[in-house]
Each structure stands twice: as structure tokens, then as C-alpha cells.
Amino acid sequence: MYEGMNKRKYPRQKAGYFVSYRVKDKKGVYDISRTKNLSQGGMLITTGKKFEKGIQLEMMMNFPLIRQRIKITGVVLSSREVVKDSIYETRLRYVGLNESFFKKLGQFIDENLK
């Protein structure tokens, strides 16, 4: 893993939170996963299948900074196989994130995940 300077607009921090996800606008059950890292701009999660770039995922999460479960939409930037035919690392960028939550998330990351 790269240990140099983080040049991202929103630096990612290691964090393992449970997340339920499914393809946006599709009926059915959510799959459950964990985040590997997150930032104000997006997150990396493990998934049980490969997703094509541009697919939108609807995610439900509990964050310590918010009392209720929140719904987040993320667009897939990439999905890379880690274990043949079973585990993928899927990078997501948030879309349509509430401005208030965006600020709270940044503050939470700064204070708790460094």
C-alpha cells in the first residue's frame, strides 16, 4: 500500500463501518459489506461482485455522528477483483450528498479517523 503524501482533494482514512448496498432503483434486498476507507468525497468497500464504472449504488449506513441510518448514493469509479470470483474492492464517489452531512462527515473524519 502506498504510504506517501495523500494528494486527494478529500483524503481517505481507514474506517471499517457496515454498509448495506444495492444497485440504485432496483428492487430487492441489500447486500452487506464493510468500508475499507472513506472520505468526504467517497469510499472504498468490499463487494461480492464486480460493478461496471458509472453504476450507481444506493447505500444505507450508520455513522457514529448521526443517530439514524442514512441513505447515500455512490457512483462506481472502479471495481477490482481481490479474490477470484468472490471479493472485489469497489471505489465509489458520493453523488447528491446533503451539504449538512458533508460538513459533519468532514469534521468526523478530521477528529476521529486520523
C-alpha atoms as a PDB file:
ATOM      1  CA  MET A   1       0.000   0.000   0.000  1.00  0.00           C
ATOM      2  CA  TYR A   2       1.244   3.483  -0.868  1.00  0.00           C
ATOM      3  CA  GLU A   3       2.422   5.317   2.253  1.00  0.00           C
ATOM      4  CA  GLY A   4       3.454   8.644   0.669  1.00  0.00           C
ATOM      5  CA  MET A   5       1.730  12.019   0.865  1.00  0.00           C
ATOM      6  CA  ASN A   6      -2.043  11.919   0.286  1.00  0.00           C
ATOM      7  CA  LYS A   7      -2.803  14.360  -2.549  1.00  0.00           C
ATOM      8  CA  ARG A   8      -6.534  13.728  -2.793  1.00  0.00           C
ATOM      9  CA  LYS A   9      -8.975  16.622  -2.526  1.00  0.00           C
ATOM     10  CA  TYR A  10     -10.616  14.741   0.361  1.00  0.00           C
ATOM     11  CA  PRO A  11      -8.039  12.428   1.956  1.00  0.00           C
ATOM     12  CA  ARG A  12      -9.275   8.932   2.710  1.00  0.00           C
ATOM     13  CA  GLN A  13      -8.945   7.450   6.164  1.00  0.00           C
ATOM     14  CA  LYS A  14      -9.085   3.782   7.169  1.00  0.00           C
ATOM     15  CA  ALA A  15     -12.508   3.004   8.583  1.00  0.00           C
ATOM     16  CA  GLY A  16     -14.492  -0.218   8.894  1.00  0.00           C
ATOM     17  CA  TYR A  17     -18.205   0.617   9.034  1.00  0.00           C
ATOM     18  CA  PHE A  18     -21.008  -1.697   7.983  1.00  0.00           C
ATOM     19  CA  VAL A  19     -22.767  -0.672   4.799  1.00  0.00           C
ATOM     20  CA  SER A  20     -25.773  -2.185   3.013  1.00  0.00           C
ATOM     21  CA  TYR A  21     -25.824  -1.637  -0.740  1.00  0.00           C
ATOM     22  CA  ARG A  22     -27.721  -2.435  -3.915  1.00  0.00           C
ATOM     23  CA  VAL A  23     -27.896  -1.075  -7.442  1.00  0.00           C
ATOM     24  CA  LYS A  24     -29.904   2.161  -7.301  1.00  0.00           C
ATOM     25  CA  ASP A  25     -33.530   1.982  -8.471  1.00  0.00           C
ATOM     26  CA  LYS A  26     -33.564  -1.835  -8.391  1.00  0.00           C
ATOM     27  CA  LYS A  27     -35.957  -3.585  -6.070  1.00  0.00           C
ATOM     28  CA  GLY A  28     -34.672  -6.316  -3.830  1.00  0.00           C
ATOM     29  CA  VAL A  29     -32.536  -6.927  -0.819  1.00  0.00           C
ATOM     30  CA  TYR A  30     -29.390  -5.097   0.107  1.00  0.00           C
ATOM     31  CA  ASP A  31     -26.034  -6.887   0.277  1.00  0.00           C
ATOM     32  CA  ILE A  32     -23.968  -6.195   3.383  1.00  0.00           C
ATOM     33  CA  SER A  33     -20.332  -5.161   3.401  1.00  0.00           C
ATOM     34  CA  ARG A  34     -17.809  -3.006   5.249  1.00  0.00           C
ATOM     35  CA  THR A  35     -15.982   0.116   4.260  1.00  0.00           C
ATOM     36  CA  LYS A  36     -12.211  -0.167   3.960  1.00  0.00           C
ATOM     37  CA  ASN A  37     -11.746   3.590   3.911  1.00  0.00           C
ATOM     38  CA  LEU A  38     -13.793   6.742   3.458  1.00  0.00           C
ATOM     39  CA  SER A  39     -13.509  10.447   2.848  1.00  0.00           C
ATOM     40  CA  GLN A  40     -15.815  13.394   2.329  1.00  0.00           C
ATOM     41  CA  GLY A  41     -15.834  12.548  -1.361  1.00  0.00           C
ATOM     42  CA  GLY A  42     -16.282   8.790  -1.416  1.00  0.00           C
ATOM     43  CA  MET A  43     -15.398   5.394  -0.026  1.00  0.00           C
ATOM     44  CA  LEU A  44     -13.873   2.013  -0.770  1.00  0.00           C
ATOM     45  CA  ILE A  45     -15.996  -1.033   0.076  1.00  0.00           C
ATOM     46  CA  THR A  46     -15.657  -4.747  -0.490  1.00  0.00           C
ATOM     47  CA  THR A  47     -18.397  -6.270  -2.642  1.00  0.00           C
ATOM     48  CA  GLY A  48     -19.366  -9.770  -3.695  1.00  0.00           C
ATOM     49  CA  LYS A  49     -19.486  -8.871  -7.383  1.00  0.00           C
ATOM     50  CA  LYS A  50     -17.778  -6.627  -9.883  1.00  0.00           C
ATOM     51  CA  PHE A  51     -19.611  -3.421 -10.771  1.00  0.00           C
ATOM     52  CA  GLU A  52     -19.099  -1.524 -14.005  1.00  0.00           C
ATOM     53  CA  LYS A  53     -17.814   2.033 -13.870  1.00  0.00           C
ATOM     54  CA  GLY A  54     -20.696   4.529 -13.700  1.00  0.00           C
ATOM     55  CA  ILE A  55     -23.202   2.217 -11.962  1.00  0.00           C
ATOM     56  CA  GLN A  56     -24.933   3.947  -9.052  1.00  0.00           C
ATOM     57  CA  LEU A  57     -25.231   2.125  -5.751  1.00  0.00           C
ATOM     58  CA  GLU A  58     -27.735   3.020  -3.061  1.00  0.00           C
ATOM     59  CA  MET A  59     -26.165   2.520   0.367  1.00  0.00           C
ATOM     60  CA  MET A  60     -27.539   2.526   3.889  1.00  0.00           C
ATOM     61  CA  MET A  61     -25.098   3.281   6.697  1.00  0.00           C
ATOM     62  CA  ASN A  62     -24.863   4.083  10.363  1.00  0.00           C
ATOM     63  CA  PHE A  63     -22.246   6.668  11.262  1.00  0.00           C
ATOM     64  CA  PRO A  64     -21.393   7.494  14.876  1.00  0.00           C
ATOM     65  CA  LEU A  65     -22.038  11.176  14.129  1.00  0.00           C
ATOM     66  CA  ILE A  66     -25.666  10.649  13.020  1.00  0.00           C
ATOM     67  CA  ARG A  67     -28.230   8.859  15.187  1.00  0.00           C
ATOM     68  CA  GLN A  68     -30.337   7.420  12.370  1.00  0.00           C
ATOM     69  CA  ARG A  69     -29.407   5.287   9.383  1.00  0.00           C
ATOM     70  CA  ILE A  70     -28.628   7.405   6.355  1.00  0.00           C
ATOM     71  CA  LYS A  71     -29.042   6.714   2.664  1.00  0.00           C
ATOM     72  CA  ILE A  72     -26.113   7.624   0.415  1.00  0.00           C
ATOM     73  CA  THR A  73     -25.801   7.269  -3.347  1.00  0.00           C
ATOM     74  CA  GLY A  74     -22.394   6.486  -4.808  1.00  0.00           C
ATOM     75  CA  VAL A  75     -21.235   6.133  -8.386  1.00  0.00           C
ATOM     76  CA  VAL A  76     -18.733   3.344  -9.086  1.00  0.00           C
ATOM     77  CA  LEU A  77     -15.310   4.610 -10.143  1.00  0.00           C
ATOM     78  CA  SER A  78     -13.745   1.150 -10.342  1.00  0.00           C
ATOM     79  CA  SER A  79     -14.216  -2.394  -9.116  1.00  0.00           C
ATOM     80  CA  ARG A  80     -11.129  -4.606  -8.785  1.00  0.00           C
ATOM     81  CA  GLU A  81     -11.048  -8.339  -8.158  1.00  0.00           C
ATOM     82  CA  VAL A  82      -9.134  -9.253  -4.972  1.00  0.00           C
ATOM     83  CA  VAL A  83     -10.209 -12.895  -4.547  1.00  0.00           C
ATOM     84  CA  LYS A  84     -11.080 -14.748  -7.754  1.00  0.00           C
ATOM     85  CA  ASP A  85     -14.816 -14.661  -8.489  1.00  0.00           C
ATOM     86  CA  SER A  86     -15.821 -13.657  -4.947  1.00  0.00           C
ATOM     87  CA  ILE A  87     -14.384 -10.449  -3.465  1.00  0.00           C
ATOM     88  CA  TYR A  88     -13.944  -7.075  -5.145  1.00  0.00           C
ATOM     89  CA  GLU A  89     -12.750  -3.696  -3.929  1.00  0.00           C
ATOM     90  CA  THR A  90     -15.211  -1.140  -5.244  1.00  0.00           C
ATOM     91  CA  ARG A  91     -14.348   2.567  -5.235  1.00  0.00           C
ATOM     92  CA  LEU A  92     -17.283   4.979  -5.035  1.00  0.00           C
ATOM     93  CA  ARG A  93     -17.774   8.740  -5.293  1.00  0.00           C
ATOM     94  CA  TYR A  94     -20.762  10.189  -3.453  1.00  0.00           C
ATOM     95  CA  VAL A  95     -23.427  11.947  -5.515  1.00  0.00           C
ATOM     96  CA  GLY A  96     -26.133  14.263  -4.214  1.00  0.00           C
ATOM     97  CA  LEU A  97     -24.747  14.310  -0.682  1.00  0.00           C
ATOM     98  CA  ASN A  98     -26.604  16.621   1.711  1.00  0.00           C
ATOM     99  CA  GLU A  99     -24.427  19.686   2.445  1.00  0.00           C
ATOM    100  CA  SER A 100     -25.002  19.476   6.205  1.00  0.00           C
ATOM    101  CA  PHE A 101     -23.991  15.807   6.287  1.00  0.00           C
ATOM    102  CA  PHE A 102     -20.995  16.548   4.037  1.00  0.00           C
ATOM    103  CA  LYS A 103     -19.683  19.040   6.619  1.00  0.00           C
ATOM    104  CA  LYS A 104     -20.376  16.710   9.565  1.00  0.00           C
ATOM    105  CA  LEU A 105     -18.606  13.862   7.775  1.00  0.00           C
ATOM    106  CA  GLY A 106     -15.522  16.020   7.176  1.00  0.00           C
ATOM    107  CA  GLN A 107     -15.450  17.082  10.805  1.00  0.00           C
ATOM    108  CA  PHE A 108     -15.889  13.481  11.994  1.00  0.00           C
ATOM    109  CA  ILE A 109     -13.020  12.272   9.783  1.00  0.00           C
ATOM    110  CA  ASP A 110     -10.738  15.091  10.970  1.00  0.00           C
ATOM    111  CA  GLU A 111     -11.471  14.419  14.640  1.00  0.00           C
ATOM    112  CA  ASN A 112     -11.704  10.635  14.757  1.00  0.00           C
ATOM    113  CA  LEU A 113     -10.077   8.833  11.852  1.00  0.00           C
ATOM    114  CA  LYS A 114      -6.539  10.145  11.597  1.00  0.00           C
END
